[in-house]
C-alpha atoms as a PDB file:
ATOM      1  CA  UNK A   1      23.069  26.797  16.094  1.00  0.00           C
ATOM      2  CA  UNK A   2      24.655  23.412  16.138  1.00  0.00           C
ATOM      3  CA  UNK A   3      23.545  20.482  14.918  1.00  0.00           C
ATOM      4  CA  UNK A   4      23.902  16.673  14.960  1.00  0.00           C
ATOM      5  CA  UNK A   5      22.666  13.877  12.520  1.00  0.00           C
ATOM      6  CA  UNK A   6      21.144  10.702  14.163  1.00  0.00           C
ATOM      7  CA  UNK A   7      19.491   7.565  12.318  1.00  0.00           C
ATOM      8  CA  UNK A   8      15.816   7.325  12.452  1.00  0.00           C
ATOM      9  CA  UNK A   9      14.268   5.496  15.276  1.00  0.00           C
ATOM     10  CA  UNK A  10      10.778   5.037  16.627  1.00  0.00           C
ATOM     11  CA  UNK A  11      11.120   8.110  19.305  1.00  0.00           C
ATOM     12  CA  UNK A  12      11.200  10.259  15.654  1.00  0.00           C
ATOM     13  CA  UNK A  13       8.078   9.452  14.415  1.00  0.00           C
ATOM     14  CA  UNK A  14       5.621  11.613  15.659  1.00  0.00           C
ATOM     15  CA  UNK A  15       8.557  14.434  14.953  1.00  0.00           C
ATOM     16  CA  UNK A  16       9.437  13.134  11.628  1.00  0.00           C
ATOM     17  CA  UNK A  17       5.699  13.688  10.398  1.00  0.00           C
ATOM     18  CA  UNK A  18       4.654  16.160  11.791  1.00  0.00           C
ATOM     19  CA  UNK A  19       7.920  17.905   9.516  1.00  0.00           C
ATOM     20  CA  UNK A  20       7.187  16.623   6.780  1.00  0.00           C
ATOM     21  CA  UNK A  21       3.454  17.787   6.966  1.00  0.00           C
ATOM     22  CA  UNK A  22       4.967  21.337   7.598  1.00  0.00           C
ATOM     23  CA  UNK A  23       7.806  21.282   4.836  1.00  0.00           C
ATOM     24  CA  UNK A  24       7.069  23.392   1.539  1.00  0.00           C
ATOM     25  CA  UNK A  25       9.167  19.820  -0.232  1.00  0.00           C
ATOM     26  CA  UNK A  26       7.289  16.935   2.073  1.00  0.00           C
ATOM     27  CA  UNK A  27       4.435  14.911   0.750  1.00  0.00           C
ATOM     28  CA  UNK A  28       2.497  11.763   2.847  1.00  0.00           C
ATOM     29  CA  UNK A  29       5.193   9.667   0.580  1.00  0.00           C
ATOM     30  CA  UNK A  30       7.940  10.800   2.498  1.00  0.00           C
ATOM     31  CA  UNK A  31       5.947  10.144   6.084  1.00  0.00           C
ATOM     32  CA  UNK A  32       7.027   7.260   8.370  1.00  0.00           C
ATOM     33  CA  UNK A  33       3.454   6.461   8.479  1.00  0.00           C
ATOM     34  CA  UNK A  34       3.288   5.647   4.072  1.00  0.00           C
ATOM     35  CA  UNK A  35       6.736   4.093   4.651  1.00  0.00           C
ATOM     36  CA  UNK A  36       5.966   1.689   7.345  1.00  0.00           C
ATOM     37  CA  UNK A  37       3.472  -0.519   5.184  1.00  0.00           C
ATOM     38  CA  UNK A  38       6.972  -2.264   3.767  1.00  0.00           C
ATOM     39  CA  UNK A  39       8.722  -1.954   6.673  1.00  0.00           C
ATOM     40  CA  UNK A  40       9.312  -5.800   6.681  1.00  0.00           C
ATOM     41  CA  UNK A  41      10.429  -5.751   2.952  1.00  0.00           C
ATOM     42  CA  UNK A  42      13.161  -3.205   3.142  1.00  0.00           C
ATOM     43  CA  UNK A  43      16.106  -2.693   6.027  1.00  0.00           C
ATOM     44  CA  UNK A  44      15.812   0.980   7.190  1.00  0.00           C
ATOM     45  CA  UNK A  45      18.641   3.488   7.009  1.00  0.00           C
ATOM     46  CA  UNK A  46      16.670   6.718   7.285  1.00  0.00           C
ATOM     47  CA  UNK A  47      18.312   9.625   9.213  1.00  0.00           C
ATOM     48  CA  UNK A  48      17.309  12.468  10.866  1.00  0.00           C
ATOM     49  CA  UNK A  49      19.422  16.525  11.863  1.00  0.00           C
ATOM     50  CA  UNK A  50      18.694  17.659  15.193  1.00  0.00           C
ATOM     51  CA  UNK A  51      18.787  21.283  16.497  1.00  0.00           C
ATOM     52  CA  UNK A  52      20.916  20.541  19.319  1.00  0.00           C
ATOM     53  CA  UNK A  53      19.970  23.630  21.129  1.00  0.00           C
ATOM     54  CA  UNK A  54      16.106  22.773  20.344  1.00  0.00           C
ATOM     55  CA  UNK A  55      16.150  19.597  20.457  1.00  0.00           C
ATOM     56  CA  UNK A  56      13.720  19.753  17.645  1.00  0.00           C
ATOM     57  CA  UNK A  57      14.454  17.655  14.161  1.00  0.00           C
ATOM     58  CA  UNK A  58      15.031  20.199  10.885  1.00  0.00           C
ATOM     59  CA  UNK A  59      15.188  17.418   8.404  1.00  0.00           C
ATOM     60  CA  UNK A  60      14.594  14.513   7.498  1.00  0.00           C
ATOM     61  CA  UNK A  61      16.208  11.816   5.276  1.00  0.00           C
ATOM     62  CA  UNK A  62      14.055   8.220   4.194  1.00  0.00           C
ATOM     63  CA  UNK A  63      16.309   5.803   3.203  1.00  0.00           C
ATOM     64  CA  UNK A  64      16.521   1.936   3.017  1.00  0.00           C
ATOM     65  CA  UNK A  65      18.597  -0.818   1.730  1.00  0.00           C
ATOM     66  CA  UNK A  66      18.539  -3.338  -0.830  1.00  0.00           C
ATOM     67  CA  UNK A  67      18.628  -7.080   0.347  1.00  0.00           C
ATOM     68  CA  UNK A  68      22.428  -7.642   0.151  1.00  0.00           C
ATOM     69  CA  UNK A  69      22.930  -4.201   1.953  1.00  0.00           C
ATOM     70  CA  UNK A  70      25.350  -2.760  -0.700  1.00  0.00           C
ATOM     71  CA  UNK A  71      23.288  -0.177  -1.992  1.00  0.00           C
ATOM     72  CA  UNK A  72      20.869   2.287  -0.252  1.00  0.00           C
ATOM     73  CA  UNK A  73      18.019   4.063  -1.715  1.00  0.00           C
ATOM     74  CA  UNK A  74      15.624   6.956  -0.955  1.00  0.00           C
ATOM     75  CA  UNK A  75      13.582   5.571  -1.233  1.00  0.00           C
ATOM     76  CA  UNK A  76      12.956   1.597  -2.655  1.00  0.00           C
ATOM     77  CA  UNK A  77       9.284   1.637  -1.258  1.00  0.00           C
ATOM     78  CA  UNK A  78       7.904   4.686  -3.021  1.00  0.00           C
ATOM     79  CA  UNK A  79       7.530   7.052  -6.264  1.00  0.00           C
ATOM     80  CA  UNK A  80      10.499   9.255  -5.072  1.00  0.00           C
ATOM     81  CA  UNK A  81      12.743  10.466  -1.708  1.00  0.00           C
ATOM     82  CA  UNK A  82      14.970  12.870  -0.957  1.00  0.00           C
ATOM     83  CA  UNK A  83      15.733  14.984   1.564  1.00  0.00           C
ATOM     84  CA  UNK A  84      12.853  16.752   3.654  1.00  0.00           C
ATOM     85  CA  UNK A  85      13.761  19.951   5.208  1.00  0.00           C
ATOM     86  CA  UNK A  86      12.237  22.586   7.051  1.00  0.00           C
ATOM     87  CA  UNK A  87      11.365  25.853   4.666  1.00  0.00           C
ATOM     88  CA  UNK A  88      14.245  27.934   6.577  1.00  0.00           C
ATOM     89  CA  UNK A  89      17.384  25.747   5.652  1.00  0.00           C
ATOM     90  CA  UNK A  90      20.128  27.408   4.474  1.00  0.00           C
ATOM     91  CA  UNK A  91      22.665  25.913   1.838  1.00  0.00           C
ATOM     92  CA  UNK A  92      25.439  25.353   4.569  1.00  0.00           C
ATOM     93  CA  UNK A  93      23.121  23.592   6.544  1.00  0.00           C
ATOM     94  CA  UNK A  94      21.659  21.484   4.389  1.00  0.00           C
ATOM     95  CA  UNK A  95      25.118  20.529   2.800  1.00  0.00           C
ATOM     96  CA  UNK A  96      25.660  19.438   6.299  1.00  0.00           C
ATOM     97  CA  UNK A  97      23.323  17.042   6.016  1.00  0.00           C
ATOM     98  CA  UNK A  98      23.908  15.723   2.826  1.00  0.00           C
ATOM     99  CA  UNK A  99      27.926  14.963   3.692  1.00  0.00           C
ATOM    100  CA  UNK A 100      27.033  13.783   7.037  1.00  0.00           C
ATOM    101  CA  UNK A 101      24.668  11.103   5.576  1.00  0.00           C
ATOM    102  CA  UNK A 102      27.340   9.841   3.028  1.00  0.00           C
ATOM    103  CA  UNK A 103      29.950   9.529   5.537  1.00  0.00           C
ATOM    104  CA  UNK A 104      27.262   7.681   7.408  1.00  0.00           C
ATOM    105  CA  UNK A 105      26.621   5.431   4.719  1.00  0.00           C
ATOM    106  CA  UNK A 106      30.196   4.736   4.072  1.00  0.00           C
ATOM    107  CA  UNK A 107      31.080   3.545   7.767  1.00  0.00           C
ATOM    108  CA  UNK A 108      28.492   0.721   7.100  1.00  0.00           C
ATOM    109  CA  UNK A 109      30.358  -0.351   3.902  1.00  0.00           C
ATOM    110  CA  UNK A 110      27.558   1.074   1.043  1.00  0.00           C
ATOM    111  CA  UNK A 111      28.902   1.220  -2.221  1.00  0.00           C
ATOM    112  CA  UNK A 112      26.049   3.361  -3.761  1.00  0.00           C
ATOM    113  CA  UNK A 113      23.092   5.741  -3.220  1.00  0.00           C
ATOM    114  CA  UNK A 114      20.403   6.086  -5.595  1.00  0.00           C
ATOM    115  CA  UNK A 115      18.325   9.279  -4.952  1.00  0.00           C
ATOM    116  CA  UNK A 116      15.289   9.327  -6.291  1.00  0.00           C
ATOM    117  CA  UNK A 117      14.094  13.238  -6.258  1.00  0.00           C
ATOM    118  CA  UNK A 118      10.953  14.884  -5.511  1.00  0.00           C
ATOM    119  CA  UNK A 119       9.417  15.791  -8.833  1.00  0.00           C
ATOM    120  CA  UNK A 120       9.525  19.501  -9.289  1.00  0.00           C
ATOM    121  CA  UNK A 121       5.123  20.207  -9.279  1.00  0.00           C
ATOM    122  CA  UNK A 122       5.333  18.717  -5.559  1.00  0.00           C
ATOM    123  CA  UNK A 123       7.666  21.383  -4.435  1.00  0.00           C
ATOM    124  CA  UNK A 124       6.183  24.747  -3.074  1.00  0.00           C
ATOM    125  CA  UNK A 125       9.211  26.375  -2.738  1.00  0.00           C
ATOM    126  CA  UNK A 126      11.017  25.542  -5.860  1.00  0.00           C
ATOM    127  CA  UNK A 127      13.837  24.755  -4.528  1.00  0.00           C
ATOM    128  CA  UNK A 128      16.482  21.637  -5.732  1.00  0.00           C
ATOM    129  CA  UNK A 129      19.451  22.281  -3.778  1.00  0.00           C
ATOM    130  CA  UNK A 130      19.780  18.497  -2.722  1.00  0.00           C
ATOM    131  CA  UNK A 131      19.908  18.257  -6.577  1.00  0.00           C
ATOM    132  CA  UNK A 132      23.273  20.230  -6.655  1.00  0.00           C
ATOM    133  CA  UNK A 133      25.206  19.103  -3.940  1.00  0.00           C
ATOM    134  CA  UNK A 134      24.104  15.162  -5.021  1.00  0.00           C
ATOM    135  CA  UNK A 135      25.836  16.751  -8.221  1.00  0.00           C
ATOM    136  CA  UNK A 136      28.503  18.477  -6.633  1.00  0.00           C
ATOM    137  CA  UNK A 137      29.326  15.109  -5.099  1.00  0.00           C
ATOM    138  CA  UNK A 138      29.666  13.460  -8.607  1.00  0.00           C
ATOM    139  CA  UNK A 139      26.373  11.896  -8.770  1.00  0.00           C
ATOM    140  CA  UNK A 140      25.413  11.054 -12.168  1.00  0.00           C
ATOM    141  CA  UNK A 141      21.585  11.502 -13.209  1.00  0.00           C
ATOM    142  CA  UNK A 142      21.266   8.071 -14.412  1.00  0.00           C
ATOM    143  CA  UNK A 143      17.748   7.839 -15.187  1.00  0.00           C
ATOM    144  CA  UNK A 144      15.152  10.354 -16.165  1.00  0.00           C
ATOM    145  CA  UNK A 145      11.768   9.263 -16.424  1.00  0.00           C
ATOM    146  CA  UNK A 146       8.832  11.230 -18.482  1.00  0.00           C
ATOM    147  CA  UNK A 147       5.771  12.174 -16.980  1.00  0.00           C
ATOM    148  CA  UNK A 148       2.237  13.715 -18.648  1.00  0.00           C
ATOM    149  CA  UNK A 149       1.415  16.806 -16.112  1.00  0.00           C
ATOM    150  CA  UNK A 150      -1.381  19.576 -17.460  1.00  0.00           C
ATOM    151  CA  UNK A 151      -0.250  22.763 -15.554  1.00  0.00           C
ATOM    152  CA  UNK A 152      -3.637  24.080 -14.416  1.00  0.00           C
ATOM    153  CA  UNK A 153      -2.739  27.654 -14.168  1.00  0.00           C
ATOM    154  CA  UNK A 154      -2.031  27.901 -17.816  1.00  0.00           C
ATOM    155  CA  UNK A 155      -4.794  27.020 -20.268  1.00  0.00           C
ATOM    156  CA  UNK A 156      -5.077  23.571 -22.020  1.00  0.00           C
ATOM    157  CA  UNK A 157      -7.288  22.099 -24.748  1.00  0.00           C
ATOM    158  CA  UNK A 158      -8.534  18.790 -24.995  1.00  0.00           C
ATOM    159  CA  UNK A 159      -8.141  16.832 -28.452  1.00  0.00           C
ATOM    160  CA  UNK A 160     -11.472  16.495 -31.153  1.00  0.00           C
ATOM    161  CA  UNK A 161     -10.446  12.890 -30.341  1.00  0.00           C
ATOM    162  CA  UNK A 162     -10.610  12.893 -26.411  1.00  0.00           C
ATOM    163  CA  UNK A 163     -13.652  15.558 -26.718  1.00  0.00           C
ATOM    164  CA  UNK A 164     -15.185  12.618 -29.156  1.00  0.00           C
ATOM    165  CA  UNK A 165     -14.666   9.627 -25.974  1.00  0.00           C
ATOM    166  CA  UNK A 166     -16.560  11.482 -23.452  1.00  0.00           C
ATOM    167  CA  UNK A 167     -19.686  12.705 -25.690  1.00  0.00           C
ATOM    168  CA  UNK A 168     -19.626   8.853 -26.338  1.00  0.00           C
ATOM    169  CA  UNK A 169     -19.340   8.224 -22.719  1.00  0.00           C
ATOM    170  CA  UNK A 170     -22.190  10.171 -22.028  1.00  0.00           C
ATOM    171  CA  UNK A 171     -24.363   9.045 -25.405  1.00  0.00           C
ATOM    172  CA  UNK A 172     -23.769   4.876 -23.523  1.00  0.00           C
ATOM    173  CA  UNK A 173     -24.429   6.477 -19.289  1.00  0.00           C
ATOM    174  CA  UNK A 174     -22.157   5.652 -18.250  1.00  0.00           C
ATOM    175  CA  UNK A 175     -21.014   6.958 -14.951  1.00  0.00           C
ATOM    176  CA  UNK A 176     -18.214   8.652 -12.582  1.00  0.00           C
ATOM    177  CA  UNK A 177     -17.588   7.532  -8.825  1.00  0.00           C
ATOM    178  CA  UNK A 178     -14.837   9.937  -7.023  1.00  0.00           C
ATOM    179  CA  UNK A 179     -14.298   7.319  -4.636  1.00  0.00           C
ATOM    180  CA  UNK A 180     -15.035   3.724  -5.050  1.00  0.00           C
ATOM    181  CA  UNK A 181     -14.087   0.698  -2.961  1.00  0.00           C
ATOM    182  CA  UNK A 182     -10.699  -0.998  -4.148  1.00  0.00           C
ATOM    183  CA  UNK A 183     -11.919  -4.235  -4.370  1.00  0.00           C
ATOM    184  CA  UNK A 184     -10.379  -7.480  -6.037  1.00  0.00           C
ATOM    185  CA  UNK A 185     -11.691  -7.824  -9.041  1.00  0.00           C
ATOM    186  CA  UNK A 186     -10.761  -3.740  -9.806  1.00  0.00           C
ATOM    187  CA  UNK A 187      -6.987  -5.304  -9.185  1.00  0.00           C
ATOM    188  CA  UNK A 188      -7.552  -7.652 -11.008  1.00  0.00           C
ATOM    189  CA  UNK A 189      -8.249  -5.535 -14.033  1.00  0.00           C
ATOM    190  CA  UNK A 190      -5.069  -3.644 -12.754  1.00  0.00           C
ATOM    191  CA  UNK A 191      -3.184  -6.251 -12.858  1.00  0.00           C
ATOM    192  CA  UNK A 192      -3.858  -7.870 -16.111  1.00  0.00           C
ATOM    193  CA  UNK A 193      -3.048  -4.294 -17.469  1.00  0.00           C
ATOM    194  CA  UNK A 194      -0.150  -4.256 -16.275  1.00  0.00           C
ATOM    195  CA  UNK A 195       1.254  -7.356 -17.130  1.00  0.00           C
ATOM    196  CA  UNK A 196       0.750  -7.112 -20.461  1.00  0.00           C
ATOM    197  CA  UNK A 197       3.998  -4.661 -20.587  1.00  0.00           C
ATOM    198  CA  UNK A 198       5.580  -6.699 -18.143  1.00  0.00           C
ATOM    199  CA  UNK A 199       5.091  -4.902 -15.607  1.00  0.00           C
ATOM    200  CA  UNK A 200       2.858  -5.275 -11.898  1.00  0.00           C
ATOM    201  CA  UNK A 201       1.875  -2.945  -9.322  1.00  0.00           C
ATOM    202  CA  UNK A 202       4.712  -2.008  -6.822  1.00  0.00           C
ATOM    203  CA  UNK A 203       1.621  -2.870  -4.125  1.00  0.00           C
ATOM    204  CA  UNK A 204      -0.758  -5.838  -3.303  1.00  0.00           C
ATOM    205  CA  UNK A 205      -4.014  -5.484  -2.937  1.00  0.00           C
ATOM    206  CA  UNK A 206      -3.924  -6.038   0.803  1.00  0.00           C
ATOM    207  CA  UNK A 207      -0.720  -2.878   1.216  1.00  0.00           C
ATOM    208  CA  UNK A 208      -3.059  -0.225  -1.187  1.00  0.00           C
ATOM    209  CA  UNK A 209      -5.988  -0.843   1.117  1.00  0.00           C
ATOM    210  CA  UNK A 210      -4.051  -0.800   4.376  1.00  0.00           C
ATOM    211  CA  UNK A 211      -2.323   3.003   2.577  1.00  0.00           C
ATOM    212  CA  UNK A 212      -6.018   4.110   1.956  1.00  0.00           C
ATOM    213  CA  UNK A 213      -6.812   3.299   5.670  1.00  0.00           C
ATOM    214  CA  UNK A 214      -4.277   5.292   6.634  1.00  0.00           C
ATOM    215  CA  UNK A 215      -4.361   7.927   4.417  1.00  0.00           C
ATOM    216  CA  UNK A 216      -8.446   8.258   3.513  1.00  0.00           C
ATOM    217  CA  UNK A 217      -8.672  11.387   1.931  1.00  0.00           C
ATOM    218  CA  UNK A 218      -4.977  10.895   0.009  1.00  0.00           C
ATOM    219  CA  UNK A 219      -5.428   8.027  -1.985  1.00  0.00           C
ATOM    220  CA  UNK A 220      -8.826   7.528  -3.708  1.00  0.00           C
ATOM    221  CA  UNK A 221      -9.666   5.284  -6.682  1.00  0.00           C
ATOM    222  CA  UNK A 222     -11.673   6.884  -9.351  1.00  0.00           C
ATOM    223  CA  UNK A 223     -13.930   4.697 -11.583  1.00  0.00           C
ATOM    224  CA  UNK A 224     -15.946   4.991 -14.909  1.00  0.00           C
ATOM    225  CA  UNK A 225     -19.345   2.809 -14.474  1.00  0.00           C
ATOM    226  CA  UNK A 226     -21.368   1.345 -17.191  1.00  0.00           C
ATOM    227  CA  UNK A 227     -25.479   1.379 -16.746  1.00  0.00           C
ATOM    228  CA  UNK A 228     -25.217  -1.751 -14.777  1.00  0.00           C
ATOM    229  CA  UNK A 229     -22.864   0.017 -12.372  1.00  0.00           C
ATOM    230  CA  UNK A 230     -20.293  -2.492 -13.256  1.00  0.00           C
ATOM    231  CA  UNK A 231     -16.499  -1.050 -13.404  1.00  0.00           C
ATOM    232  CA  UNK A 232     -14.775  -0.351 -16.757  1.00  0.00           C
ATOM    233  CA  UNK A 233     -11.767   1.508 -15.976  1.00  0.00           C
ATOM    234  CA  UNK A 234     -10.483   2.897 -13.179  1.00  0.00           C
ATOM    235  CA  UNK A 235      -7.302   5.587 -11.818  1.00  0.00           C
ATOM    236  CA  UNK A 236      -6.189   5.207  -8.261  1.00  0.00           C
ATOM    237  CA  UNK A 237      -5.248   8.632  -7.487  1.00  0.00           C
ATOM    238  CA  UNK A 238      -2.683  10.039  -4.932  1.00  0.00           C
ATOM    239  CA  UNK A 239      -3.902  13.416  -3.599  1.00  0.00           C
ATOM    240  CA  UNK A 240      -1.045  14.911  -2.676  1.00  0.00           C
ATOM    241  CA  UNK A 241      -1.459  18.845  -1.724  1.00  0.00           C
ATOM    242  CA  UNK A 242      -1.699  20.728  -5.168  1.00  0.00           C
ATOM    243  CA  UNK A 243      -1.302  18.112  -6.846  1.00  0.00           C
ATOM    244  CA  UNK A 244      -3.442  14.439  -8.225  1.00  0.00           C
ATOM    245  CA  UNK A 245      -1.305  12.175  -9.500  1.00  0.00           C
ATOM    246  CA  UNK A 246      -2.436   8.945 -11.698  1.00  0.00           C
ATOM    247  CA  UNK A 247      -0.295   6.274  -9.430  1.00  0.00           C
ATOM    248  CA  UNK A 248      -2.295   3.645 -11.500  1.00  0.00           C
ATOM    249  CA  UNK A 249      -4.299   3.236 -14.374  1.00  0.00           C
ATOM    250  CA  UNK A 250      -6.369   0.227 -15.823  1.00  0.00           C
ATOM    251  CA  UNK A 251      -9.237  -0.384 -18.143  1.00  0.00           C
ATOM    252  CA  UNK A 252     -11.679  -3.430 -19.475  1.00  0.00           C
ATOM    253  CA  UNK A 253     -11.124  -4.340 -23.061  1.00  0.00           C
ATOM    254  CA  UNK A 254     -14.484  -2.778 -23.842  1.00  0.00           C
ATOM    255  CA  UNK A 255     -13.186   0.914 -21.968  1.00  0.00           C
ATOM    256  CA  UNK A 256     -12.396   2.271 -24.952  1.00  0.00           C
ATOM    257  CA  UNK A 257     -15.222   2.123 -27.232  1.00  0.00           C
ATOM    258  CA  UNK A 258     -16.938   3.095 -25.585  1.00  0.00           C
ATOM    259  CA  UNK A 259     -15.088   6.237 -24.164  1.00  0.00           C
ATOM    260  CA  UNK A 260     -15.251   5.826 -20.628  1.00  0.00           C
ATOM    261  CA  UNK A 261     -11.414   6.053 -19.621  1.00  0.00           C
ATOM    262  CA  UNK A 262     -11.773   9.665 -21.558  1.00  0.00           C
ATOM    263  CA  UNK A 263     -14.727  10.098 -19.430  1.00  0.00           C
ATOM    264  CA  UNK A 264     -12.906   9.553 -16.377  1.00  0.00           C
ATOM    265  CA  UNK A 265     -10.122  11.748 -17.064  1.00  0.00           C
ATOM    266  CA  UNK A 266     -12.242  14.702 -17.949  1.00  0.00           C
ATOM    267  CA  UNK A 267     -13.933  13.913 -14.574  1.00  0.00           C
ATOM    268  CA  UNK A 268     -10.328  14.073 -12.593  1.00  0.00           C
ATOM    269  CA  UNK A 269      -9.444  17.183 -14.323  1.00  0.00           C
ATOM    270  CA  UNK A 270     -12.403  18.892 -13.046  1.00  0.00           C
ATOM    271  CA  UNK A 271     -11.860  17.458  -9.863  1.00  0.00           C
ATOM    272  CA  UNK A 272      -8.059  18.490  -9.638  1.00  0.00           C
ATOM    273  CA  UNK A 273      -9.237  22.506 -10.701  1.00  0.00           C
ATOM    274  CA  UNK A 274     -12.949  22.270  -8.151  1.00  0.00           C
ATOM    275  CA  UNK A 275      -9.856  21.390  -5.490  1.00  0.00           C
ATOM    276  CA  UNK A 276      -7.264  24.267  -6.675  1.00  0.00           C
ATOM    277  CA  UNK A 277      -4.922  22.122  -7.599  1.00  0.00           C
ATOM    278  CA  UNK A 278      -1.774  23.186  -9.537  1.00  0.00           C
ATOM    279  CA  UNK A 279      -1.089  20.555 -11.555  1.00  0.00           C
ATOM    280  CA  UNK A 280      -3.058  17.163 -12.937  1.00  0.00           C
ATOM    281  CA  UNK A 281      -0.364  14.500 -13.415  1.00  0.00           C
ATOM    282  CA  UNK A 282      -1.564  11.028 -15.015  1.00  0.00           C
ATOM    283  CA  UNK A 283       1.879   9.857 -14.052  1.00  0.00           C
ATOM    284  CA  UNK A 284       4.823   7.951 -16.034  1.00  0.00           C
ATOM    285  CA  UNK A 285       4.537   7.363 -19.937  1.00  0.00           C
ATOM    286  CA  UNK A 286       8.205   5.876 -20.278  1.00  0.00           C
ATOM    287  CA  UNK A 287       9.494   2.191 -19.243  1.00  0.00           C
ATOM    288  CA  UNK A 288      12.790   0.020 -18.478  1.00  0.00           C
ATOM    289  CA  UNK A 289      13.871   2.993 -15.917  1.00  0.00           C
ATOM    290  CA  UNK A 290      13.385   5.358 -18.828  1.00  0.00           C
ATOM    291  CA  UNK A 291      15.131   4.270 -21.457  1.00  0.00           C
ATOM    292  CA  UNK A 292      11.358   3.298 -23.685  1.00  0.00           C
ATOM    293  CA  UNK A 293       9.502   5.830 -24.146  1.00  0.00           C
ATOM    294  CA  UNK A 294       5.004   4.130 -24.766  1.00  0.00           C
ATOM    295  CA  UNK A 295       4.574   6.755 -27.430  1.00  0.00           C
ATOM    296  CA  UNK A 296       1.280   5.345 -27.666  1.00  0.00           C
ATOM    297  CA  UNK A 297       0.843   5.916 -23.400  1.00  0.00           C
ATOM    298  CA  UNK A 298       2.362   9.437 -23.895  1.00  0.00           C
ATOM    299  CA  UNK A 299       0.141  10.756 -26.948  1.00  0.00           C
ATOM    300  CA  UNK A 300      -3.415   9.614 -25.271  1.00  0.00           C
ATOM    301  CA  UNK A 301      -2.173  11.415 -22.439  1.00  0.00           C
ATOM    302  CA  UNK A 302      -0.807  14.602 -24.285  1.00  0.00           C
ATOM    303  CA  UNK A 303      -4.524  15.225 -25.553  1.00  0.00           C
ATOM    304  CA  UNK A 304      -5.655  15.793 -22.639  1.00  0.00           C
ATOM    305  CA  UNK A 305      -3.456  18.641 -22.785  1.00  0.00           C
ATOM    306  CA  UNK A 306      -0.730  17.686 -20.842  1.00  0.00           C
ATOM    307  CA  UNK A 307       3.116  17.651 -21.574  1.00  0.00           C
ATOM    308  CA  UNK A 308       6.092  15.874 -20.861  1.00  0.00           C
ATOM    309  CA  UNK A 309       8.393  16.078 -17.478  1.00  0.00           C
ATOM    310  CA  UNK A 310      11.089  14.703 -16.298  1.00  0.00           C
ATOM    311  CA  UNK A 311      11.459  12.770 -13.130  1.00  0.00           C
ATOM    312  CA  UNK A 312      15.373  12.901 -11.952  1.00  0.00           C
ATOM    313  CA  UNK A 313      17.211   9.806  -9.947  1.00  0.00           C
ATOM    314  CA  UNK A 314      20.561  10.032  -9.044  1.00  0.00           C
ATOM    315  CA  UNK A 315      22.920   7.069  -8.714  1.00  0.00           C
ATOM    316  CA  UNK A 316      26.283   8.433  -6.417  1.00  0.00           C
ATOM    317  CA  UNK A 317      28.978   6.120  -6.211  1.00  0.00           C
ATOM    318  CA  UNK A 318      30.487   5.872  -2.259  1.00  0.00           C
ATOM    319  CA  UNK A 319      33.233   3.570  -2.148  1.00  0.00           C
END
């Protein structure tokens, strides 16, 4: 078989998204439909691998440049990126694609590649060949973020404190809504919560609503409400194949005393089980590029039966 590597162009959009949907390693975060929400914010430098005999896409690599066009990242507009391949790909072909990407980036005088690996919980084939080849190219695993994850195939148990919170919520007539409208009120609450940690949402309210319209079954706001139907806390969740992932978590000051967040996560975990998911992900508990572990946040999530899982990011010097 003969292969060639090309820079991505819009003519490949449909084939790209089809490959991602059929791949064992791709998620909707790798799709052009998702990545296009910030097409005016980043300079795209994605690549595709084409089987010359069949004229078909065999692998894709989402990537974009930073402001001064010296650093390429896969992907700056997503939690993770990396190469997405068809299931039949051999190590030789993956290495050919990876080496070709590196050569093309060097030819553009790109100095560095940041490679945010797709977390293992999303890899249905459990393949880490892309990580192997970036390591062989002298890539450095410079960042590790800790996420709390429940393996739903194994026994897990809520702590007595979390169980008390759930009982308290029921006693206070707290209700759960699975697919709530993403309102300004909810987004303001999220922004206020993140500001306390010198952070802000990756997405604006307009962007997240645009994405929700694009992926109505994959992006949902789950909330706990008080007896007057006022949202007390929420989880903006990404429903990704065999995983429900908490992308954003926020709560009002009174939510803790009412057990509203405990009740919300209990319902979300029940939903993941009912949907035959393999994992429930609470998202990251580390900050400052993985250098700071938020112990309180980690312990709160761990009391639902979760464990710490590493999400790895590599940096490869090109010039």
